[in-house]
């Protein structure tokens, strides 16, 4: 029986590989992401910019088709697909990846960055590159970081300004240790839930809220479902452009170089877009009736998590946590 499944997997990989070249020798790959293909959505911006740049710099010899709205599966499915070669490329959330690659959890720590510029400094620096290199051990080539943004708390009705306001809320959470432990410390009932189920969950009252970046809240219409957008910024959300290592290793040196350069440029575009449009997006959500809660007591949250980084270091790796604390002067 094991032999049958092994042969079947090899046949799938062969068929998939054959389908990636047409008779003009153009190489075609698919890149998946879970959010909607909206022009303000960072996942879409990342994928679209990358696709356009690669096409331009290879004179159309490499084509990358966009597959948004979970067409290639949810992030866990895409991660596995990248490992075995049935998924070509994906834009993934760091928090999901850290469920598989513990070191990636370094950037999930709550209240770790004070602003996007500080996050960029770390992610694009030596430490960020060290973490990206860890992906190779899992059969994935991670090319660059993009920015989902700071994750703020959307709630159906509840205004959240300080630590105690989190208590008792049912909040949709990605099923990663750092997120779940953060909510546990806040006295929140974390509800693991797939992204595709969140709007229905809010509408049916299964959850009281969720955390998402401003751009994702705006692009996916949460202002029409929930009442409060609380600017807690309790997590920062890097995005990562990933390629199956079996795909990447099959490219020549020039093609690999082009993909890497285009991925870095595309990742930077997500930061530019977030910075450019955030105030506009918040204003439009407010105009639709959403209350934007800005007077959040960030100091109270930071004080509540003073020892949390050292607690998480055992899982993430003490070396990386200490290096990050040194960079950020924590």
C-alpha atoms as a PDB file:
ATOM      1  CA  UNK A   1       0.000   0.000   0.000  1.00  0.00           C
ATOM      2  CA  UNK A   2       2.839   2.395   0.856  1.00  0.00           C
ATOM      3  CA  UNK A   3       4.426   1.662  -2.519  1.00  0.00           C
ATOM      4  CA  UNK A   4       1.136   2.536  -4.269  1.00  0.00           C
ATOM      5  CA  UNK A   5       0.921   5.954  -2.603  1.00  0.00           C
ATOM      6  CA  UNK A   6       4.592   6.641  -3.301  1.00  0.00           C
ATOM      7  CA  UNK A   7       4.137   5.851  -7.019  1.00  0.00           C
ATOM      8  CA  UNK A   8       0.971   7.983  -7.102  1.00  0.00           C
ATOM      9  CA  UNK A   9       2.806  10.951  -5.564  1.00  0.00           C
ATOM     10  CA  UNK A  10       5.642  10.644  -8.091  1.00  0.00           C
ATOM     11  CA  UNK A  11       3.121  10.559 -10.951  1.00  0.00           C
ATOM     12  CA  UNK A  12       1.415  13.705  -9.612  1.00  0.00           C
ATOM     13  CA  UNK A  13       4.743  15.502  -9.378  1.00  0.00           C
ATOM     14  CA  UNK A  14       5.714  14.452 -12.900  1.00  0.00           C
ATOM     15  CA  UNK A  15       2.361  15.570 -14.331  1.00  0.00           C
ATOM     16  CA  UNK A  16       2.518  18.841 -12.395  1.00  0.00           C
ATOM     17  CA  UNK A  17       6.073  19.466 -13.518  1.00  0.00           C
ATOM     18  CA  UNK A  18       5.197  18.785 -17.161  1.00  0.00           C
ATOM     19  CA  UNK A  19       2.323  21.261 -16.989  1.00  0.00           C
ATOM     20  CA  UNK A  20       4.677  24.071 -15.951  1.00  0.00           C
ATOM     21  CA  UNK A  21       6.204  24.361 -19.435  1.00  0.00           C
ATOM     22  CA  UNK A  22       4.338  24.934 -22.681  1.00  0.00           C
ATOM     23  CA  UNK A  23       5.570  24.274 -26.173  1.00  0.00           C
ATOM     24  CA  UNK A  24       7.160  27.752 -26.382  1.00  0.00           C
ATOM     25  CA  UNK A  25       9.362  26.945 -23.360  1.00  0.00           C
ATOM     26  CA  UNK A  26       7.532  29.498 -21.254  1.00  0.00           C
ATOM     27  CA  UNK A  27       7.557  28.436 -17.621  1.00  0.00           C
ATOM     28  CA  UNK A  28       4.259  28.960 -15.851  1.00  0.00           C
ATOM     29  CA  UNK A  29       3.781  28.808 -12.083  1.00  0.00           C
ATOM     30  CA  UNK A  30       0.894  29.534  -9.741  1.00  0.00           C
ATOM     31  CA  UNK A  31       1.129  31.678  -6.615  1.00  0.00           C
ATOM     32  CA  UNK A  32      -1.555  31.235  -3.973  1.00  0.00           C
ATOM     33  CA  UNK A  33      -2.866  33.473  -1.199  1.00  0.00           C
ATOM     34  CA  UNK A  34      -5.981  33.288   0.954  1.00  0.00           C
ATOM     35  CA  UNK A  35      -7.410  36.809   0.759  1.00  0.00           C
ATOM     36  CA  UNK A  36      -9.487  38.413  -1.990  1.00  0.00           C
ATOM     37  CA  UNK A  37      -7.780  39.909  -5.041  1.00  0.00           C
ATOM     38  CA  UNK A  38      -8.409  43.535  -4.070  1.00  0.00           C
ATOM     39  CA  UNK A  39      -6.048  46.303  -5.146  1.00  0.00           C
ATOM     40  CA  UNK A  40      -5.527  47.503  -1.547  1.00  0.00           C
ATOM     41  CA  UNK A  41      -4.967  44.007  -0.128  1.00  0.00           C
ATOM     42  CA  UNK A  42      -1.284  43.415   0.781  1.00  0.00           C
ATOM     43  CA  UNK A  43      -1.326  39.742  -0.218  1.00  0.00           C
ATOM     44  CA  UNK A  44      -2.667  40.673  -3.653  1.00  0.00           C
ATOM     45  CA  UNK A  45      -0.251  43.600  -4.018  1.00  0.00           C
ATOM     46  CA  UNK A  46       2.661  41.331  -3.114  1.00  0.00           C
ATOM     47  CA  UNK A  47       1.644  38.597  -5.572  1.00  0.00           C
ATOM     48  CA  UNK A  48       0.634  40.946  -8.417  1.00  0.00           C
ATOM     49  CA  UNK A  49       3.771  43.095  -8.182  1.00  0.00           C
ATOM     50  CA  UNK A  50       5.962  39.986  -8.059  1.00  0.00           C
ATOM     51  CA  UNK A  51       4.193  38.470 -11.071  1.00  0.00           C
ATOM     52  CA  UNK A  52       4.492  41.666 -13.132  1.00  0.00           C
ATOM     53  CA  UNK A  53       8.162  42.176 -12.281  1.00  0.00           C
ATOM     54  CA  UNK A  54       9.111  38.585 -13.071  1.00  0.00           C
ATOM     55  CA  UNK A  55       7.316  38.747 -16.421  1.00  0.00           C
ATOM     56  CA  UNK A  56       9.061  42.016 -17.259  1.00  0.00           C
ATOM     57  CA  UNK A  57      12.558  40.922 -16.225  1.00  0.00           C
ATOM     58  CA  UNK A  58      12.348  37.535 -17.967  1.00  0.00           C
ATOM     59  CA  UNK A  59      10.751  38.962 -21.141  1.00  0.00           C
ATOM     60  CA  UNK A  60       7.714  36.806 -20.487  1.00  0.00           C
ATOM     61  CA  UNK A  61       9.672  33.561 -20.230  1.00  0.00           C
ATOM     62  CA  UNK A  62       8.391  33.033 -16.685  1.00  0.00           C
ATOM     63  CA  UNK A  63       4.687  33.569 -16.097  1.00  0.00           C
ATOM     64  CA  UNK A  64       3.167  33.570 -12.621  1.00  0.00           C
ATOM     65  CA  UNK A  65      -0.603  33.132 -12.371  1.00  0.00           C
ATOM     66  CA  UNK A  66      -2.352  34.596  -9.317  1.00  0.00           C
ATOM     67  CA  UNK A  67      -4.628  32.296  -7.330  1.00  0.00           C
ATOM     68  CA  UNK A  68      -6.275  34.308  -4.557  1.00  0.00           C
ATOM     69  CA  UNK A  69      -9.228  33.648  -2.226  1.00  0.00           C
ATOM     70  CA  UNK A  70      -7.811  30.294  -1.137  1.00  0.00           C
ATOM     71  CA  UNK A  71      -7.957  28.710  -4.601  1.00  0.00           C
ATOM     72  CA  UNK A  72      -4.849  26.676  -3.753  1.00  0.00           C
ATOM     73  CA  UNK A  73      -6.107  25.923  -0.238  1.00  0.00           C
ATOM     74  CA  UNK A  74      -5.759  27.493   3.179  1.00  0.00           C
ATOM     75  CA  UNK A  75      -2.278  28.318   4.440  1.00  0.00           C
ATOM     76  CA  UNK A  76      -1.655  24.982   6.133  1.00  0.00           C
ATOM     77  CA  UNK A  77      -2.536  23.183   2.911  1.00  0.00           C
ATOM     78  CA  UNK A  78      -0.313  25.465   0.862  1.00  0.00           C
ATOM     79  CA  UNK A  79       2.594  24.965   3.276  1.00  0.00           C
ATOM     80  CA  UNK A  80       2.347  21.195   2.855  1.00  0.00           C
ATOM     81  CA  UNK A  81       1.965  21.638  -0.902  1.00  0.00           C
ATOM     82  CA  UNK A  82       5.156  23.700  -1.022  1.00  0.00           C
ATOM     83  CA  UNK A  83       6.988  20.962   0.844  1.00  0.00           C
ATOM     84  CA  UNK A  84       5.972  18.143  -1.494  1.00  0.00           C
ATOM     85  CA  UNK A  85       6.013  20.206  -4.676  1.00  0.00           C
ATOM     86  CA  UNK A  86       2.297  20.286  -5.516  1.00  0.00           C
ATOM     87  CA  UNK A  87       2.085  24.026  -4.715  1.00  0.00           C
ATOM     88  CA  UNK A  88       4.460  26.215  -6.723  1.00  0.00           C
ATOM     89  CA  UNK A  89       4.487  29.459  -4.747  1.00  0.00           C
ATOM     90  CA  UNK A  90       2.517  31.153  -1.990  1.00  0.00           C
ATOM     91  CA  UNK A  91       2.195  34.382  -0.034  1.00  0.00           C
ATOM     92  CA  UNK A  92       1.866  33.268   3.572  1.00  0.00           C
ATOM     93  CA  UNK A  93       1.332  34.830   6.976  1.00  0.00           C
ATOM     94  CA  UNK A  94       4.242  34.552   9.382  1.00  0.00           C
ATOM     95  CA  UNK A  95       1.967  33.394  12.205  1.00  0.00           C
ATOM     96  CA  UNK A  96       0.857  30.344  10.227  1.00  0.00           C
ATOM     97  CA  UNK A  97       4.397  29.488   9.213  1.00  0.00           C
ATOM     98  CA  UNK A  98       5.621  29.669  12.811  1.00  0.00           C
ATOM     99  CA  UNK A  99       3.334  26.724  13.555  1.00  0.00           C
ATOM    100  CA  UNK A 100       5.687  24.676  11.392  1.00  0.00           C
ATOM    101  CA  UNK A 101       8.983  26.574  11.718  1.00  0.00           C
ATOM    102  CA  UNK A 102       9.477  27.528  15.395  1.00  0.00           C
ATOM    103  CA  UNK A 103      12.150  30.173  14.701  1.00  0.00           C
ATOM    104  CA  UNK A 104       9.670  32.172  12.599  1.00  0.00           C
ATOM    105  CA  UNK A 105       7.699  32.730  15.813  1.00  0.00           C
ATOM    106  CA  UNK A 106      10.260  35.385  16.730  1.00  0.00           C
ATOM    107  CA  UNK A 107       8.242  37.931  14.750  1.00  0.00           C
ATOM    108  CA  UNK A 108       4.913  36.893  16.277  1.00  0.00           C
ATOM    109  CA  UNK A 109       5.824  38.164  19.750  1.00  0.00           C
ATOM    110  CA  UNK A 110       3.236  40.713  20.932  1.00  0.00           C
ATOM    111  CA  UNK A 111       4.176  44.417  21.021  1.00  0.00           C
ATOM    112  CA  UNK A 112       7.677  43.610  19.738  1.00  0.00           C
ATOM    113  CA  UNK A 113       7.914  46.421  17.158  1.00  0.00           C
ATOM    114  CA  UNK A 114       6.993  50.036  17.790  1.00  0.00           C
ATOM    115  CA  UNK A 115       6.424  50.890  14.111  1.00  0.00           C
ATOM    116  CA  UNK A 116       6.807  49.604  10.556  1.00  0.00           C
ATOM    117  CA  UNK A 117      10.224  51.193  10.086  1.00  0.00           C
ATOM    118  CA  UNK A 118      11.618  49.280  13.050  1.00  0.00           C
ATOM    119  CA  UNK A 119      10.104  46.061  11.718  1.00  0.00           C
ATOM    120  CA  UNK A 120      11.655  46.684   8.279  1.00  0.00           C
ATOM    121  CA  UNK A 121      15.071  47.263   9.861  1.00  0.00           C
ATOM    122  CA  UNK A 122      14.948  43.865  11.584  1.00  0.00           C
ATOM    123  CA  UNK A 123      13.293  41.816   8.851  1.00  0.00           C
ATOM    124  CA  UNK A 124      15.526  43.076   6.048  1.00  0.00           C
ATOM    125  CA  UNK A 125      18.631  42.826   8.197  1.00  0.00           C
ATOM    126  CA  UNK A 126      20.875  39.978   9.276  1.00  0.00           C
ATOM    127  CA  UNK A 127      18.407  38.491  11.768  1.00  0.00           C
ATOM    128  CA  UNK A 128      15.524  38.452   9.309  1.00  0.00           C
ATOM    129  CA  UNK A 129      17.679  36.716   6.694  1.00  0.00           C
ATOM    130  CA  UNK A 130      18.820  34.125   9.240  1.00  0.00           C
ATOM    131  CA  UNK A 131      15.200  33.182   9.876  1.00  0.00           C
ATOM    132  CA  UNK A 132      14.391  33.012   6.150  1.00  0.00           C
ATOM    133  CA  UNK A 133      17.273  30.575   5.683  1.00  0.00           C
ATOM    134  CA  UNK A 134      15.588  28.216   8.160  1.00  0.00           C
ATOM    135  CA  UNK A 135      12.823  27.534   5.626  1.00  0.00           C
ATOM    136  CA  UNK A 136      15.220  25.470   3.500  1.00  0.00           C
ATOM    137  CA  UNK A 137      15.228  22.788   6.197  1.00  0.00           C
ATOM    138  CA  UNK A 138      11.513  22.319   5.497  1.00  0.00           C
ATOM    139  CA  UNK A 139      11.722  22.071   1.701  1.00  0.00           C
ATOM    140  CA  UNK A 140      10.793  25.709   1.078  1.00  0.00           C
ATOM    141  CA  UNK A 141      12.726  28.632  -0.383  1.00  0.00           C
ATOM    142  CA  UNK A 142      11.648  31.868   1.322  1.00  0.00           C
ATOM    143  CA  UNK A 143      12.525  34.806  -0.919  1.00  0.00           C
ATOM    144  CA  UNK A 144      11.461  37.929   0.963  1.00  0.00           C
ATOM    145  CA  UNK A 145       9.291  39.626   3.554  1.00  0.00           C
ATOM    146  CA  UNK A 146       6.300  41.779   2.780  1.00  0.00           C
ATOM    147  CA  UNK A 147       4.039  43.582   5.214  1.00  0.00           C
ATOM    148  CA  UNK A 148       0.545  42.643   6.253  1.00  0.00           C
ATOM    149  CA  UNK A 149       0.802  45.368   8.883  1.00  0.00           C
ATOM    150  CA  UNK A 150       0.070  45.666  12.576  1.00  0.00           C
ATOM    151  CA  UNK A 151      -2.822  43.464  13.606  1.00  0.00           C
ATOM    152  CA  UNK A 152      -5.571  45.387  15.378  1.00  0.00           C
ATOM    153  CA  UNK A 153      -8.648  44.018  17.112  1.00  0.00           C
ATOM    154  CA  UNK A 154     -11.979  44.106  15.281  1.00  0.00           C
ATOM    155  CA  UNK A 155     -14.979  43.478  17.531  1.00  0.00           C
ATOM    156  CA  UNK A 156     -18.694  43.203  16.962  1.00  0.00           C
ATOM    157  CA  UNK A 157     -19.559  45.717  19.711  1.00  0.00           C
ATOM    158  CA  UNK A 158     -16.889  45.833  22.442  1.00  0.00           C
ATOM    159  CA  UNK A 159     -14.483  48.760  22.685  1.00  0.00           C
ATOM    160  CA  UNK A 160     -10.999  47.617  23.732  1.00  0.00           C
ATOM    161  CA  UNK A 161      -8.625  50.156  25.261  1.00  0.00           C
ATOM    162  CA  UNK A 162      -6.734  48.299  27.999  1.00  0.00           C
ATOM    163  CA  UNK A 163      -5.781  44.805  29.131  1.00  0.00           C
ATOM    164  CA  UNK A 164      -8.963  44.140  31.119  1.00  0.00           C
ATOM    165  CA  UNK A 165     -11.133  44.878  28.072  1.00  0.00           C
ATOM    166  CA  UNK A 166      -9.851  41.693  26.433  1.00  0.00           C
ATOM    167  CA  UNK A 167     -11.132  39.477  29.230  1.00  0.00           C
ATOM    168  CA  UNK A 168     -13.898  37.054  28.310  1.00  0.00           C
ATOM    169  CA  UNK A 169     -14.006  37.942  24.606  1.00  0.00           C
ATOM    170  CA  UNK A 170     -14.160  35.124  22.055  1.00  0.00           C
ATOM    171  CA  UNK A 171     -11.514  36.088  19.520  1.00  0.00           C
ATOM    172  CA  UNK A 172     -10.688  34.210  16.336  1.00  0.00           C
ATOM    173  CA  UNK A 173      -7.034  33.280  16.435  1.00  0.00           C
ATOM    174  CA  UNK A 174      -4.613  31.511  14.184  1.00  0.00           C
ATOM    175  CA  UNK A 175      -3.631  28.253  15.821  1.00  0.00           C
ATOM    176  CA  UNK A 176      -0.049  29.147  16.731  1.00  0.00           C
ATOM    177  CA  UNK A 177       1.424  28.907  20.206  1.00  0.00           C
ATOM    178  CA  UNK A 178       2.448  32.546  20.557  1.00  0.00           C
ATOM    179  CA  UNK A 179      -0.971  33.880  19.533  1.00  0.00           C
ATOM    180  CA  UNK A 180      -2.832  31.388  21.725  1.00  0.00           C
ATOM    181  CA  UNK A 181      -0.559  32.055  24.721  1.00  0.00           C
ATOM    182  CA  UNK A 182      -0.911  35.818  24.224  1.00  0.00           C
ATOM    183  CA  UNK A 183      -4.683  35.608  24.328  1.00  0.00           C
ATOM    184  CA  UNK A 184      -4.551  33.263  27.310  1.00  0.00           C
ATOM    185  CA  UNK A 185      -2.530  35.847  29.226  1.00  0.00           C
ATOM    186  CA  UNK A 186      -5.062  38.523  28.269  1.00  0.00           C
ATOM    187  CA  UNK A 187      -7.913  36.385  29.624  1.00  0.00           C
ATOM    188  CA  UNK A 188      -9.369  35.980  26.142  1.00  0.00           C
ATOM    189  CA  UNK A 189     -11.087  32.878  24.787  1.00  0.00           C
ATOM    190  CA  UNK A 190      -9.048  32.191  21.637  1.00  0.00           C
ATOM    191  CA  UNK A 191     -11.052  30.396  18.954  1.00  0.00           C
ATOM    192  CA  UNK A 192      -8.926  28.727  16.235  1.00  0.00           C
ATOM    193  CA  UNK A 193     -10.744  29.313  12.957  1.00  0.00           C
ATOM    194  CA  UNK A 194      -9.860  29.216   9.264  1.00  0.00           C
ATOM    195  CA  UNK A 195      -9.763  32.587   7.532  1.00  0.00           C
ATOM    196  CA  UNK A 196     -12.566  31.561   5.182  1.00  0.00           C
ATOM    197  CA  UNK A 197     -14.938  31.106   8.146  1.00  0.00           C
ATOM    198  CA  UNK A 198     -14.357  34.388   9.992  1.00  0.00           C
ATOM    199  CA  UNK A 199     -17.028  36.618   8.476  1.00  0.00           C
ATOM    200  CA  UNK A 200     -19.660  33.926   8.989  1.00  0.00           C
ATOM    201  CA  UNK A 201     -18.359  33.443  12.529  1.00  0.00           C
ATOM    202  CA  UNK A 202     -18.894  37.131  13.278  1.00  0.00           C
ATOM    203  CA  UNK A 203     -22.319  37.201  11.687  1.00  0.00           C
ATOM    204  CA  UNK A 204     -23.464  34.170  13.675  1.00  0.00           C
ATOM    205  CA  UNK A 205     -21.868  35.321  16.948  1.00  0.00           C
ATOM    206  CA  UNK A 206     -19.530  32.331  17.138  1.00  0.00           C
ATOM    207  CA  UNK A 207     -16.773  34.860  17.787  1.00  0.00           C
ATOM    208  CA  UNK A 208     -16.781  38.401  19.207  1.00  0.00           C
ATOM    209  CA  UNK A 209     -13.900  39.558  17.058  1.00  0.00           C
ATOM    210  CA  UNK A 210     -10.560  38.888  15.391  1.00  0.00           C
ATOM    211  CA  UNK A 211      -7.203  40.545  14.802  1.00  0.00           C
ATOM    212  CA  UNK A 212      -6.257  41.756  11.319  1.00  0.00           C
ATOM    213  CA  UNK A 213      -4.195  44.548   9.738  1.00  0.00           C
ATOM    214  CA  UNK A 214      -6.020  47.678   8.581  1.00  0.00           C
ATOM    215  CA  UNK A 215      -5.611  46.852   4.889  1.00  0.00           C
ATOM    216  CA  UNK A 216      -7.035  43.350   5.309  1.00  0.00           C
ATOM    217  CA  UNK A 217     -10.000  44.661   7.321  1.00  0.00           C
ATOM    218  CA  UNK A 218     -10.716  47.244   4.643  1.00  0.00           C
ATOM    219  CA  UNK A 219     -10.219  45.007   1.608  1.00  0.00           C
ATOM    220  CA  UNK A 220     -12.381  42.216   2.992  1.00  0.00           C
ATOM    221  CA  UNK A 221     -15.378  44.320   4.033  1.00  0.00           C
ATOM    222  CA  UNK A 222     -15.258  43.907   7.824  1.00  0.00           C
ATOM    223  CA  UNK A 223     -16.693  47.410   8.315  1.00  0.00           C
ATOM    224  CA  UNK A 224     -19.993  46.017   7.088  1.00  0.00           C
ATOM    225  CA  UNK A 225     -20.016  43.254   9.712  1.00  0.00           C
ATOM    226  CA  UNK A 226     -18.335  44.562  12.895  1.00  0.00           C
ATOM    227  CA  UNK A 227     -18.785  47.818  14.811  1.00  0.00           C
ATOM    228  CA  UNK A 228     -15.377  48.510  16.419  1.00  0.00           C
ATOM    229  CA  UNK A 229     -11.870  48.750  15.023  1.00  0.00           C
ATOM    230  CA  UNK A 230      -9.616  48.912  18.086  1.00  0.00           C
ATOM    231  CA  UNK A 231      -6.051  50.064  17.279  1.00  0.00           C
ATOM    232  CA  UNK A 232      -4.328  47.687  19.668  1.00  0.00           C
ATOM    233  CA  UNK A 233      -1.519  46.748  17.268  1.00  0.00           C
ATOM    234  CA  UNK A 234      -0.781  43.755  19.469  1.00  0.00           C
ATOM    235  CA  UNK A 235       0.847  41.684  16.714  1.00  0.00           C
ATOM    236  CA  UNK A 236       2.911  42.664  13.695  1.00  0.00           C
ATOM    237  CA  UNK A 237       2.198  40.587  10.615  1.00  0.00           C
ATOM    238  CA  UNK A 238       5.057  39.950   8.182  1.00  0.00           C
ATOM    239  CA  UNK A 239       4.122  38.209   4.946  1.00  0.00           C
ATOM    240  CA  UNK A 240       6.543  35.802   3.289  1.00  0.00           C
ATOM    241  CA  UNK A 241       6.837  34.935  -0.391  1.00  0.00           C
ATOM    242  CA  UNK A 242       7.612  31.223  -0.528  1.00  0.00           C
ATOM    243  CA  UNK A 243       8.616  28.918  -3.387  1.00  0.00           C
ATOM    244  CA  UNK A 244       8.719  25.142  -3.307  1.00  0.00           C
ATOM    245  CA  UNK A 245      12.388  24.208  -3.088  1.00  0.00           C
ATOM    246  CA  UNK A 246      11.922  21.549  -5.784  1.00  0.00           C
ATOM    247  CA  UNK A 247      10.744  24.324  -8.141  1.00  0.00           C
ATOM    248  CA  UNK A 248      13.409  26.817  -7.122  1.00  0.00           C
ATOM    249  CA  UNK A 249      16.287  24.360  -7.419  1.00  0.00           C
ATOM    250  CA  UNK A 250      15.179  23.492 -10.951  1.00  0.00           C
ATOM    251  CA  UNK A 251      15.680  27.098 -12.105  1.00  0.00           C
ATOM    252  CA  UNK A 252      19.019  28.306 -13.423  1.00  0.00           C
ATOM    253  CA  UNK A 253      21.128  30.840 -11.508  1.00  0.00           C
ATOM    254  CA  UNK A 254      19.865  33.838 -13.492  1.00  0.00           C
ATOM    255  CA  UNK A 255      16.225  32.833 -12.972  1.00  0.00           C
ATOM    256  CA  UNK A 256      16.765  32.350  -9.239  1.00  0.00           C
ATOM    257  CA  UNK A 257      18.411  35.777  -9.023  1.00  0.00           C
ATOM    258  CA  UNK A 258      15.523  37.430 -10.867  1.00  0.00           C
ATOM    259  CA  UNK A 259      12.912  35.779  -8.637  1.00  0.00           C
ATOM    260  CA  UNK A 260      14.769  36.832  -5.490  1.00  0.00           C
ATOM    261  CA  UNK A 261      15.197  40.440  -6.618  1.00  0.00           C
ATOM    262  CA  UNK A 262      11.578  40.714  -7.745  1.00  0.00           C
ATOM    263  CA  UNK A 263      10.326  39.238  -4.465  1.00  0.00           C
ATOM    264  CA  UNK A 264      12.275  41.809  -2.431  1.00  0.00           C
ATOM    265  CA  UNK A 265      10.947  44.670  -4.573  1.00  0.00           C
ATOM    266  CA  UNK A 266       7.387  43.333  -4.335  1.00  0.00           C
ATOM    267  CA  UNK A 267       7.659  43.015  -0.553  1.00  0.00           C
ATOM    268  CA  UNK A 268       8.728  46.652  -0.287  1.00  0.00           C
ATOM    269  CA  UNK A 269       5.688  47.660  -2.336  1.00  0.00           C
ATOM    270  CA  UNK A 270       3.370  46.256   0.348  1.00  0.00           C
ATOM    271  CA  UNK A 271       4.965  48.571   2.919  1.00  0.00           C
ATOM    272  CA  UNK A 272       4.624  51.568   0.621  1.00  0.00           C
ATOM    273  CA  UNK A 273       0.975  50.767  -0.051  1.00  0.00           C
ATOM    274  CA  UNK A 274       0.093  50.258   3.619  1.00  0.00           C
ATOM    275  CA  UNK A 275       1.687  53.574   4.586  1.00  0.00           C
ATOM    276  CA  UNK A 276       0.046  55.432   1.714  1.00  0.00           C
ATOM    277  CA  UNK A 277      -3.503  54.178   2.177  1.00  0.00           C
ATOM    278  CA  UNK A 278      -3.983  53.455   5.898  1.00  0.00           C
ATOM    279  CA  UNK A 279      -5.569  56.769   6.878  1.00  0.00           C
ATOM    280  CA  UNK A 280      -7.815  56.694   3.818  1.00  0.00           C
ATOM    281  CA  UNK A 281      -8.948  53.150   4.620  1.00  0.00           C
ATOM    282  CA  UNK A 282      -9.679  54.015   8.255  1.00  0.00           C
ATOM    283  CA  UNK A 283     -11.702  57.072   7.182  1.00  0.00           C
ATOM    284  CA  UNK A 284     -13.769  55.044   4.711  1.00  0.00           C
ATOM    285  CA  UNK A 285     -14.471  52.356   7.318  1.00  0.00           C
ATOM    286  CA  UNK A 286     -15.518  55.070   9.767  1.00  0.00           C
ATOM    287  CA  UNK A 287     -17.838  56.552   7.135  1.00  0.00           C
ATOM    288  CA  UNK A 288     -19.514  53.144   6.882  1.00  0.00           C
ATOM    289  CA  UNK A 289     -20.356  53.311  10.581  1.00  0.00           C
ATOM    290  CA  UNK A 290     -17.347  51.591  12.124  1.00  0.00           C
ATOM    291  CA  UNK A 291     -15.998  53.159  15.304  1.00  0.00           C
ATOM    292  CA  UNK A 292     -12.219  53.637  15.180  1.00  0.00           C
ATOM    293  CA  UNK A 293     -10.892  53.341  18.759  1.00  0.00           C
ATOM    294  CA  UNK A 294      -7.495  55.059  18.868  1.00  0.00           C
ATOM    295  CA  UNK A 295      -7.039  55.893  22.573  1.00  0.00           C
ATOM    296  CA  UNK A 296      -5.608  52.466  23.428  1.00  0.00           C
ATOM    297  CA  UNK A 297      -3.366  52.211  26.501  1.00  0.00           C
ATOM    298  CA  UNK A 298      -0.412  50.499  24.825  1.00  0.00           C
ATOM    299  CA  UNK A 299       1.733  50.916  27.957  1.00  0.00           C
ATOM    300  CA  UNK A 300      -0.631  48.692  29.926  1.00  0.00           C
ATOM    301  CA  UNK A 301      -0.235  45.945  27.345  1.00  0.00           C
ATOM    302  CA  UNK A 302       3.541  46.225  27.219  1.00  0.00           C
ATOM    303  CA  UNK A 303       3.782  46.069  30.998  1.00  0.00           C
ATOM    304  CA  UNK A 304       1.667  42.907  30.999  1.00  0.00           C
ATOM    305  CA  UNK A 305       4.095  41.204  28.620  1.00  0.00           C
ATOM    306  CA  UNK A 306       7.465  42.201  30.059  1.00  0.00           C
ATOM    307  CA  UNK A 307       8.505  38.622  30.807  1.00  0.00           C
ATOM    308  CA  UNK A 308       6.686  36.997  27.893  1.00  0.00           C
ATOM    309  CA  UNK A 309       9.594  37.128  25.440  1.00  0.00           C
ATOM    310  CA  UNK A 310      11.831  35.075  27.730  1.00  0.00           C
ATOM    311  CA  UNK A 311       9.028  32.567  28.284  1.00  0.00           C
ATOM    312  CA  UNK A 312       8.682  32.057  24.519  1.00  0.00           C
ATOM    313  CA  UNK A 313      12.466  31.886  23.960  1.00  0.00           C
ATOM    314  CA  UNK A 314      12.579  28.190  24.826  1.00  0.00           C
ATOM    315  CA  UNK A 315      10.336  27.409  21.835  1.00  0.00           C
ATOM    316  CA  UNK A 316      11.689  29.989  19.402  1.00  0.00           C
ATOM    317  CA  UNK A 317      15.373  29.774  20.293  1.00  0.00           C
ATOM    318  CA  UNK A 318      17.110  31.808  22.980  1.00  0.00           C
ATOM    319  CA  UNK A 319      19.790  32.960  20.538  1.00  0.00           C
ATOM    320  CA  UNK A 320      17.235  34.647  18.292  1.00  0.00           C
ATOM    321  CA  UNK A 321      15.201  36.200  21.090  1.00  0.00           C
ATOM    322  CA  UNK A 322      18.312  37.651  22.738  1.00  0.00           C
ATOM    323  CA  UNK A 323      19.534  39.013  19.405  1.00  0.00           C
ATOM    324  CA  UNK A 324      16.171  40.667  18.754  1.00  0.00           C
ATOM    325  CA  UNK A 325      16.026  42.187  22.237  1.00  0.00           C
ATOM    326  CA  UNK A 326      19.514  43.589  21.744  1.00  0.00           C
ATOM    327  CA  UNK A 327      18.591  45.163  18.400  1.00  0.00           C
ATOM    328  CA  UNK A 328      15.432  46.694  19.832  1.00  0.00           C
ATOM    329  CA  UNK A 329      17.028  47.630  23.150  1.00  0.00           C
ATOM    330  CA  UNK A 330      14.383  45.761  25.158  1.00  0.00           C
END
